[in-house]
Amino acid sequence: MKMDSHAAFLTTQWSLIDAIQTGRPESAVAMNRLAEIYLPAVYSFLRRNGHPPHAAEDLAQDFFDKVVLGRLLFHNADSTKGSLRSLILKALKNFVIDTVRRRNARGVKRTVSLDAMERADSMLGAEADPGDAFNRQIAGAQLELAIDRCREHFAASGLINHWRLYEVRVLHPATRGASAPALKDCFGEFGFSQARDAAAAVQTVKRALIALFRVVVAESMPPNTPEEEIEAEYQCALAALRLGGGAHG
């Protein structure tokens, strides 16, 4: 099955950086979009670093005020020097060292939903290292985006029952602790004539989701990144999900 590229829907993170660096009219939208992507991960890092929820939220806001905005982190990002994940994580570690004693510094707060912070809290696993918590949050957000795109792909292709079967057989058991029904008991409910066809559909969705997850990870990398570096970043995302008990595919 040929995957739709969704060219209008897919906006790489480096295209958002380009909008910021060139001062285009959509730069404010791009900045807010990047904040939505990365602020929950910054919050997770700070929570795992020992800060209680309110202090971690304030520090996360300060990081965006002082480093991302004040020091023009995204404006000065160099597409030849690795992923945005590694850029932000390095800056965040330096920020904690330099400013943790000035947590009450004033700043204009970014608007990020309480739900995003609560999701970040719920994703805090057993990671001992704050960097692991950061990486897991990023990987989780990337996987969520891949899941959304995969669902849209099968809906647009007229194969929504492929997706629905995958949800009840794989996704919901992995993410919600739901029981997976046996194919022999449910294939007819999803429009399949036999369990074998239903099993093939589940594998089709799994392959599509893996491919889209890799695409989402690649979007966080600079343009023209060598394939081996994209693969390394993808493996890092997989490792982060496994470390936190997340599921993939």
C-alpha atoms as a PDB file:
ATOM      1  CA  MET A   1       0.000   0.000   0.000  1.00  0.00           C
ATOM      2  CA  LYS A   2       1.353   3.400  -1.006  1.00  0.00           C
ATOM      3  CA  MET A   3       1.417   5.865   1.873  1.00  0.00           C
ATOM      4  CA  ASP A   4      -0.004   9.332   1.192  1.00  0.00           C
ATOM      5  CA  SER A   5       2.672  11.935   1.904  1.00  0.00           C
ATOM      6  CA  HIS A   6       0.085  14.456   3.250  1.00  0.00           C
ATOM      7  CA  ALA A   7       2.408  17.194   2.000  1.00  0.00           C
ATOM      8  CA  ALA A   8       0.127  20.009   3.145  1.00  0.00           C
ATOM      9  CA  PHE A   9      -0.334  18.414   6.554  1.00  0.00           C
ATOM     10  CA  LEU A  10       3.265  17.554   7.312  1.00  0.00           C
ATOM     11  CA  THR A  11       5.242  20.560   8.494  1.00  0.00           C
ATOM     12  CA  THR A  12       8.753  19.690   9.571  1.00  0.00           C
ATOM     13  CA  GLN A  13      10.090  21.238  12.718  1.00  0.00           C
ATOM     14  CA  TRP A  14      12.961  22.738  10.759  1.00  0.00           C
ATOM     15  CA  SER A  15      10.495  24.508   8.462  1.00  0.00           C
ATOM     16  CA  LEU A  16       9.072  26.082  11.623  1.00  0.00           C
ATOM     17  CA  ILE A  17      12.596  27.106  12.608  1.00  0.00           C
ATOM     18  CA  ASP A  18      13.068  28.621   9.157  1.00  0.00           C
ATOM     19  CA  ALA A  19       9.889  30.681   9.580  1.00  0.00           C
ATOM     20  CA  ILE A  20      11.250  32.034  12.874  1.00  0.00           C
ATOM     21  CA  GLN A  21      14.734  32.750  11.556  1.00  0.00           C
ATOM     22  CA  THR A  22      13.506  34.575   8.460  1.00  0.00           C
ATOM     23  CA  GLY A  23      10.936  36.631  10.364  1.00  0.00           C
ATOM     24  CA  ARG A  24       8.027  35.554   8.192  1.00  0.00           C
ATOM     25  CA  PRO A  25       4.520  36.592   9.298  1.00  0.00           C
ATOM     26  CA  GLU A  26       3.821  33.078  10.561  1.00  0.00           C
ATOM     27  CA  SER A  27       6.847  33.139  12.908  1.00  0.00           C
ATOM     28  CA  ALA A  28       4.685  33.666  16.014  1.00  0.00           C
ATOM     29  CA  VAL A  29       2.549  30.669  15.070  1.00  0.00           C
ATOM     30  CA  ALA A  30       5.707  28.636  14.479  1.00  0.00           C
ATOM     31  CA  MET A  31       7.077  29.619  17.888  1.00  0.00           C
ATOM     32  CA  ASN A  32       3.866  28.591  19.625  1.00  0.00           C
ATOM     33  CA  ARG A  33       3.808  25.298  17.731  1.00  0.00           C
ATOM     34  CA  LEU A  34       7.351  24.480  18.849  1.00  0.00           C
ATOM     35  CA  ALA A  35       6.422  25.427  22.414  1.00  0.00           C
ATOM     36  CA  GLU A  36       3.499  22.995  22.257  1.00  0.00           C
ATOM     37  CA  ILE A  37       5.857  20.241  21.106  1.00  0.00           C
ATOM     38  CA  TYR A  38       8.729  20.803  23.514  1.00  0.00           C
ATOM     39  CA  LEU A  39       7.407  22.507  26.656  1.00  0.00           C
ATOM     40  CA  PRO A  40       5.863  19.302  28.081  1.00  0.00           C
ATOM     41  CA  ALA A  41       9.230  17.557  27.594  1.00  0.00           C
ATOM     42  CA  VAL A  42      11.028  20.411  29.357  1.00  0.00           C
ATOM     43  CA  TYR A  43       8.503  20.079  32.183  1.00  0.00           C
ATOM     44  CA  SER A  44       9.130  16.314  32.409  1.00  0.00           C
ATOM     45  CA  PHE A  45      12.887  16.913  32.637  1.00  0.00           C
ATOM     46  CA  LEU A  46      12.398  19.352  35.503  1.00  0.00           C
ATOM     47  CA  ARG A  47       9.968  17.077  37.336  1.00  0.00           C
ATOM     48  CA  ARG A  48      12.427  14.194  37.139  1.00  0.00           C
ATOM     49  CA  ASN A  49      15.134  16.611  38.275  1.00  0.00           C
ATOM     50  CA  GLY A  50      13.308  16.832  41.608  1.00  0.00           C
ATOM     51  CA  HIS A  51      11.092  19.906  41.210  1.00  0.00           C
ATOM     52  CA  PRO A  52       7.457  19.709  42.369  1.00  0.00           C
ATOM     53  CA  PRO A  53       4.778  20.346  39.722  1.00  0.00           C
ATOM     54  CA  HIS A  54       4.265  24.094  40.219  1.00  0.00           C
ATOM     55  CA  ALA A  55       7.993  24.829  40.453  1.00  0.00           C
ATOM     56  CA  ALA A  56       8.655  22.692  37.375  1.00  0.00           C
ATOM     57  CA  GLU A  57       5.971  24.527  35.431  1.00  0.00           C
ATOM     58  CA  ASP A  58       7.407  27.922  36.425  1.00  0.00           C
ATOM     59  CA  LEU A  59      10.927  26.831  35.488  1.00  0.00           C
ATOM     60  CA  ALA A  60       9.730  25.457  32.165  1.00  0.00           C
ATOM     61  CA  GLN A  61       8.101  28.800  31.398  1.00  0.00           C
ATOM     62  CA  ASP A  62      11.283  30.614  32.461  1.00  0.00           C
ATOM     63  CA  PHE A  63      13.346  28.402  30.149  1.00  0.00           C
ATOM     64  CA  PHE A  64      11.247  29.453  27.180  1.00  0.00           C
ATOM     65  CA  ASP A  65      11.267  33.105  28.267  1.00  0.00           C
ATOM     66  CA  LYS A  66      14.993  33.388  28.965  1.00  0.00           C
ATOM     67  CA  VAL A  67      16.624  30.882  26.635  1.00  0.00           C
ATOM     68  CA  VAL A  68      14.258  30.222  23.753  1.00  0.00           C
ATOM     69  CA  LEU A  69      13.038  33.818  23.489  1.00  0.00           C
ATOM     70  CA  GLY A  70      15.639  35.849  25.373  1.00  0.00           C
ATOM     71  CA  ARG A  71      18.687  34.138  23.886  1.00  0.00           C
ATOM     72  CA  LEU A  72      16.991  33.437  20.561  1.00  0.00           C
ATOM     73  CA  LEU A  73      17.652  29.703  20.772  1.00  0.00           C
ATOM     74  CA  PHE A  74      15.556  28.873  17.718  1.00  0.00           C
ATOM     75  CA  HIS A  75      16.723  31.954  15.828  1.00  0.00           C
ATOM     76  CA  ASN A  76      20.317  30.760  16.168  1.00  0.00           C
ATOM     77  CA  ALA A  77      19.662  27.037  15.636  1.00  0.00           C
ATOM     78  CA  ASP A  78      22.107  25.518  13.153  1.00  0.00           C
ATOM     79  CA  SER A  79      20.679  22.821  10.910  1.00  0.00           C
ATOM     80  CA  THR A  80      24.148  21.295  10.525  1.00  0.00           C
ATOM     81  CA  LYS A  81      24.481  20.472  14.228  1.00  0.00           C
ATOM     82  CA  GLY A  82      21.937  17.770  14.948  1.00  0.00           C
ATOM     83  CA  SER A  83      18.341  17.383  16.048  1.00  0.00           C
ATOM     84  CA  LEU A  84      16.188  19.938  17.824  1.00  0.00           C
ATOM     85  CA  ARG A  85      15.795  17.417  20.636  1.00  0.00           C
ATOM     86  CA  SER A  86      19.536  17.427  21.357  1.00  0.00           C
ATOM     87  CA  LEU A  87      19.753  21.222  20.953  1.00  0.00           C
ATOM     88  CA  ILE A  88      16.973  21.867  23.453  1.00  0.00           C
ATOM     89  CA  LEU A  89      18.169  19.229  25.918  1.00  0.00           C
ATOM     90  CA  LYS A  90      21.674  20.706  25.997  1.00  0.00           C
ATOM     91  CA  ALA A  91      20.321  24.230  26.479  1.00  0.00           C
ATOM     92  CA  LEU A  92      17.969  23.006  29.197  1.00  0.00           C
ATOM     93  CA  LYS A  93      20.747  21.325  31.168  1.00  0.00           C
ATOM     94  CA  ASN A  94      22.781  24.542  31.026  1.00  0.00           C
ATOM     95  CA  PHE A  95      19.743  26.560  32.054  1.00  0.00           C
ATOM     96  CA  VAL A  96      19.140  24.416  35.135  1.00  0.00           C
ATOM     97  CA  ILE A  97      22.761  24.799  36.198  1.00  0.00           C
ATOM     98  CA  ASP A  98      22.766  28.556  35.607  1.00  0.00           C
ATOM     99  CA  THR A  99      19.341  29.660  36.821  1.00  0.00           C
ATOM    100  CA  VAL A 100      17.801  27.150  39.221  1.00  0.00           C
ATOM    101  CA  ARG A 101      18.444  29.607  42.084  1.00  0.00           C
ATOM    102  CA  ARG A 102      16.468  32.302  40.279  1.00  0.00           C
ATOM    103  CA  ARG A 103      13.220  30.394  39.784  1.00  0.00           C
ATOM    104  CA  ASN A 104      11.133  33.449  40.534  1.00  0.00           C
ATOM    105  CA  ALA A 105      12.599  35.535  37.720  1.00  0.00           C
ATOM    106  CA  ARG A 106       9.891  37.345  35.838  1.00  0.00           C
ATOM    107  CA  GLY A 107       8.939  36.449  32.281  1.00  0.00           C
ATOM    108  CA  VAL A 108       6.090  36.370  29.825  1.00  0.00           C
ATOM    109  CA  LYS A 109       4.578  32.929  30.109  1.00  0.00           C
ATOM    110  CA  ARG A 110       3.953  30.713  27.106  1.00  0.00           C
ATOM    111  CA  THR A 111       0.421  29.468  26.749  1.00  0.00           C
ATOM    112  CA  VAL A 112       0.417  25.693  27.103  1.00  0.00           C
ATOM    113  CA  SER A 113      -2.633  23.764  28.217  1.00  0.00           C
ATOM    114  CA  LEU A 114      -2.926  22.243  31.662  1.00  0.00           C
ATOM    115  CA  ASP A 115      -3.834  18.998  29.900  1.00  0.00           C
ATOM    116  CA  ALA A 116      -0.384  18.924  28.284  1.00  0.00           C
ATOM    117  CA  MET A 117       1.289  19.242  31.677  1.00  0.00           C
ATOM    118  CA  GLU A 118      -0.966  16.574  33.178  1.00  0.00           C
ATOM    119  CA  ARG A 119      -0.123  14.226  30.296  1.00  0.00           C
ATOM    120  CA  ALA A 120       3.559  14.896  30.899  1.00  0.00           C
ATOM    121  CA  ASP A 121       3.094  13.992  34.573  1.00  0.00           C
ATOM    122  CA  SER A 122       1.255  10.808  33.634  1.00  0.00           C
ATOM    123  CA  MET A 123       4.126   9.780  31.357  1.00  0.00           C
ATOM    124  CA  LEU A 124       6.746  10.061  34.085  1.00  0.00           C
ATOM    125  CA  GLY A 125       7.999   6.514  34.403  1.00  0.00           C
ATOM    126  CA  ALA A 126      10.843   4.979  36.343  1.00  0.00           C
ATOM    127  CA  GLU A 127      13.584   6.957  34.604  1.00  0.00           C
ATOM    128  CA  ALA A 128      16.303   7.981  37.059  1.00  0.00           C
ATOM    129  CA  ASP A 129      17.839  10.466  34.642  1.00  0.00           C
ATOM    130  CA  PRO A 130      15.991  13.705  33.768  1.00  0.00           C
ATOM    131  CA  GLY A 131      17.325  13.441  30.225  1.00  0.00           C
ATOM    132  CA  ASP A 132      15.593  10.082  29.875  1.00  0.00           C
ATOM    133  CA  ALA A 133      12.304  11.651  30.991  1.00  0.00           C
ATOM    134  CA  PHE A 134      12.798  14.427  28.422  1.00  0.00           C
ATOM    135  CA  ASN A 135      13.528  11.938  25.644  1.00  0.00           C
ATOM    136  CA  ARG A 136      10.560   9.792  26.570  1.00  0.00           C
ATOM    137  CA  GLN A 137       8.192  12.752  26.467  1.00  0.00           C
ATOM    138  CA  ILE A 138       9.484  13.762  23.025  1.00  0.00           C
ATOM    139  CA  ALA A 139       9.205  10.186  21.743  1.00  0.00           C
ATOM    140  CA  GLY A 140       5.696   9.888  23.177  1.00  0.00           C
ATOM    141  CA  ALA A 141       4.610  13.079  21.420  1.00  0.00           C
ATOM    142  CA  GLN A 142       6.141  11.832  18.174  1.00  0.00           C
ATOM    143  CA  LEU A 143       4.320   8.522  18.491  1.00  0.00           C
ATOM    144  CA  GLU A 144       1.016  10.289  19.181  1.00  0.00           C
ATOM    145  CA  LEU A 145       1.479  12.342  16.016  1.00  0.00           C
ATOM    146  CA  ALA A 146       2.298   9.213  14.008  1.00  0.00           C
ATOM    147  CA  ILE A 147      -0.835   7.534  15.388  1.00  0.00           C
ATOM    148  CA  ASP A 148      -2.969  10.519  14.354  1.00  0.00           C
ATOM    149  CA  ARG A 149      -1.513  10.470  10.852  1.00  0.00           C
ATOM    150  CA  CYS A 150      -1.944   6.718  10.555  1.00  0.00           C
ATOM    151  CA  ARG A 151      -5.597   6.959  11.573  1.00  0.00           C
ATOM    152  CA  GLU A 152      -6.159   9.724   9.020  1.00  0.00           C
ATOM    153  CA  HIS A 153      -4.417   7.708   6.312  1.00  0.00           C
ATOM    154  CA  PHE A 154      -6.620   4.649   6.731  1.00  0.00           C
ATOM    155  CA  ALA A 155      -9.769   6.760   7.056  1.00  0.00           C
ATOM    156  CA  ALA A 156      -8.935   8.627   3.844  1.00  0.00           C
ATOM    157  CA  SER A 157      -8.166   5.326   2.095  1.00  0.00           C
ATOM    158  CA  GLY A 158     -11.564   3.861   2.941  1.00  0.00           C
ATOM    159  CA  LEU A 159      -9.964   1.330   5.279  1.00  0.00           C
ATOM    160  CA  ILE A 160     -11.034   2.713   8.635  1.00  0.00           C
ATOM    161  CA  ASN A 161     -11.954  -0.787   9.846  1.00  0.00           C
ATOM    162  CA  HIS A 162      -8.302  -1.774   9.428  1.00  0.00           C
ATOM    163  CA  TRP A 163      -7.456   0.988  11.882  1.00  0.00           C
ATOM    164  CA  ARG A 164     -10.291   0.218  14.288  1.00  0.00           C
ATOM    165  CA  LEU A 165      -9.264  -3.423  14.456  1.00  0.00           C
ATOM    166  CA  TYR A 166      -5.662  -2.405  15.133  1.00  0.00           C
ATOM    167  CA  GLU A 167      -6.874  -0.117  17.909  1.00  0.00           C
ATOM    168  CA  VAL A 168      -8.741  -2.829  19.783  1.00  0.00           C
ATOM    169  CA  ARG A 169      -6.200  -5.572  19.087  1.00  0.00           C
ATOM    170  CA  VAL A 170      -2.932  -3.681  19.651  1.00  0.00           C
ATOM    171  CA  LEU A 171      -3.156   0.008  20.515  1.00  0.00           C
ATOM    172  CA  HIS A 172      -5.689   0.010  23.336  1.00  0.00           C
ATOM    173  CA  PRO A 173      -4.171  -3.020  25.088  1.00  0.00           C
ATOM    174  CA  ALA A 174      -0.752  -1.332  24.910  1.00  0.00           C
ATOM    175  CA  THR A 175      -1.816   2.153  25.995  1.00  0.00           C
ATOM    176  CA  ARG A 176      -4.899   1.606  28.157  1.00  0.00           C
ATOM    177  CA  GLY A 177      -4.399  -1.853  29.579  1.00  0.00           C
ATOM    178  CA  ALA A 178      -7.483  -3.112  27.744  1.00  0.00           C
ATOM    179  CA  SER A 179      -7.900  -6.785  26.947  1.00  0.00           C
ATOM    180  CA  ALA A 180      -7.192  -7.727  23.330  1.00  0.00           C
ATOM    181  CA  PRO A 181     -10.062  -9.705  21.786  1.00  0.00           C
ATOM    182  CA  ALA A 182      -9.196 -12.857  19.865  1.00  0.00           C
ATOM    183  CA  LEU A 183      -9.342 -12.394  16.101  1.00  0.00           C
ATOM    184  CA  LYS A 184     -11.586 -15.428  15.745  1.00  0.00           C
ATOM    185  CA  ASP A 185     -14.138 -13.692  17.942  1.00  0.00           C
ATOM    186  CA  CYS A 186     -14.132 -10.233  16.379  1.00  0.00           C
ATOM    187  CA  PHE A 187     -13.093 -10.336  12.709  1.00  0.00           C
ATOM    188  CA  GLY A 188     -16.698 -10.193  11.480  1.00  0.00           C
ATOM    189  CA  GLU A 189     -17.428  -7.105  13.574  1.00  0.00           C
ATOM    190  CA  PHE A 190     -14.871  -5.195  11.519  1.00  0.00           C
ATOM    191  CA  GLY A 191     -16.063  -6.397   8.140  1.00  0.00           C
ATOM    192  CA  PHE A 192     -13.586  -9.208   7.495  1.00  0.00           C
ATOM    193  CA  SER A 193     -14.724 -12.541   6.097  1.00  0.00           C
ATOM    194  CA  GLN A 194     -12.143 -14.588   7.978  1.00  0.00           C
ATOM    195  CA  ALA A 195      -9.624 -14.225  10.789  1.00  0.00           C
ATOM    196  CA  ARG A 196      -6.709 -14.579   8.374  1.00  0.00           C
ATOM    197  CA  ASP A 197      -7.749 -11.422   6.511  1.00  0.00           C
ATOM    198  CA  ALA A 198      -8.135  -9.565   9.793  1.00  0.00           C
ATOM    199  CA  ALA A 199      -4.641 -10.625  10.882  1.00  0.00           C
ATOM    200  CA  ALA A 200      -3.219  -9.345   7.595  1.00  0.00           C
ATOM    201  CA  ALA A 201      -4.989  -6.012   8.139  1.00  0.00           C
ATOM    202  CA  VAL A 202      -3.444  -5.651  11.597  1.00  0.00           C
ATOM    203  CA  GLN A 203       0.015  -6.218  10.114  1.00  0.00           C
ATOM    204  CA  THR A 204      -0.676  -3.671   7.367  1.00  0.00           C
ATOM    205  CA  VAL A 205      -1.530  -1.010   9.941  1.00  0.00           C
ATOM    206  CA  LYS A 206       1.475  -1.936  12.066  1.00  0.00           C
ATOM    207  CA  ARG A 207       3.846  -1.473   9.117  1.00  0.00           C
ATOM    208  CA  ALA A 208       2.217   1.850   8.242  1.00  0.00           C
ATOM    209  CA  LEU A 209       2.485   3.123  11.816  1.00  0.00           C
ATOM    210  CA  ILE A 210       6.151   2.146  12.050  1.00  0.00           C
ATOM    211  CA  ALA A 211       6.847   3.971   8.782  1.00  0.00           C
ATOM    212  CA  LEU A 212       4.984   7.092   9.908  1.00  0.00           C
ATOM    213  CA  PHE A 213       6.683   7.103  13.294  1.00  0.00           C
ATOM    214  CA  ARG A 214      10.026   7.108  11.533  1.00  0.00           C
ATOM    215  CA  VAL A 215       8.850   9.958   9.291  1.00  0.00           C
ATOM    216  CA  VAL A 216       7.842  12.024  12.325  1.00  0.00           C
ATOM    217  CA  VAL A 217      11.227  11.412  13.957  1.00  0.00           C
ATOM    218  CA  ALA A 218      12.971  12.390  10.719  1.00  0.00           C
ATOM    219  CA  GLU A 219      11.023  15.658  10.675  1.00  0.00           C
ATOM    220  CA  SER A 220      12.832  16.728  13.847  1.00  0.00           C
ATOM    221  CA  MET A 221      16.170  16.396  12.056  1.00  0.00           C
ATOM    222  CA  PRO A 222      17.805  19.062   9.874  1.00  0.00           C
ATOM    223  CA  PRO A 223      17.317  18.921   6.099  1.00  0.00           C
ATOM    224  CA  ASN A 224      19.660  16.541   4.272  1.00  0.00           C
ATOM    225  CA  THR A 225      20.521  14.634   7.451  1.00  0.00           C
ATOM    226  CA  PRO A 226      22.326  11.384   6.539  1.00  0.00           C
ATOM    227  CA  GLU A 227      20.178   8.281   6.737  1.00  0.00           C
ATOM    228  CA  GLU A 228      22.339   6.736   9.450  1.00  0.00           C
ATOM    229  CA  GLU A 229      21.785   9.757  11.727  1.00  0.00           C
ATOM    230  CA  ILE A 230      18.029   9.574  11.189  1.00  0.00           C
ATOM    231  CA  GLU A 231      18.156   5.877  12.046  1.00  0.00           C
ATOM    232  CA  ALA A 232      20.122   6.654  15.223  1.00  0.00           C
ATOM    233  CA  GLU A 233      17.520   9.237  16.265  1.00  0.00           C
ATOM    234  CA  TYR A 234      14.739   6.763  15.504  1.00  0.00           C
ATOM    235  CA  GLN A 235      16.412   4.099  17.637  1.00  0.00           C
ATOM    236  CA  CYS A 236      16.787   6.674  20.427  1.00  0.00           C
ATOM    237  CA  ALA A 237      13.034   7.313  20.269  1.00  0.00           C
ATOM    238  CA  LEU A 238      12.285   3.587  20.401  1.00  0.00           C
ATOM    239  CA  ALA A 239      14.632   3.151  23.356  1.00  0.00           C
ATOM    240  CA  ALA A 240      12.968   6.049  25.194  1.00  0.00           C
ATOM    241  CA  LEU A 241       9.539   4.472  24.770  1.00  0.00           C
ATOM    242  CA  ARG A 242      10.767   1.086  25.953  1.00  0.00           C
ATOM    243  CA  LEU A 243      12.492   2.637  28.979  1.00  0.00           C
ATOM    244  CA  GLY A 244       9.290   4.279  30.080  1.00  0.00           C
ATOM    245  CA  GLY A 245       7.156   1.228  29.451  1.00  0.00           C
ATOM    246  CA  GLY A 246       5.608   2.655  26.293  1.00  0.00           C
ATOM    247  CA  ALA A 247       4.503   0.567  23.354  1.00  0.00           C
ATOM    248  CA  HIS A 248       5.307   0.914  19.701  1.00  0.00           C
ATOM    249  CA  GLY A 249       3.410  -0.798  16.955  1.00  0.00           C
END
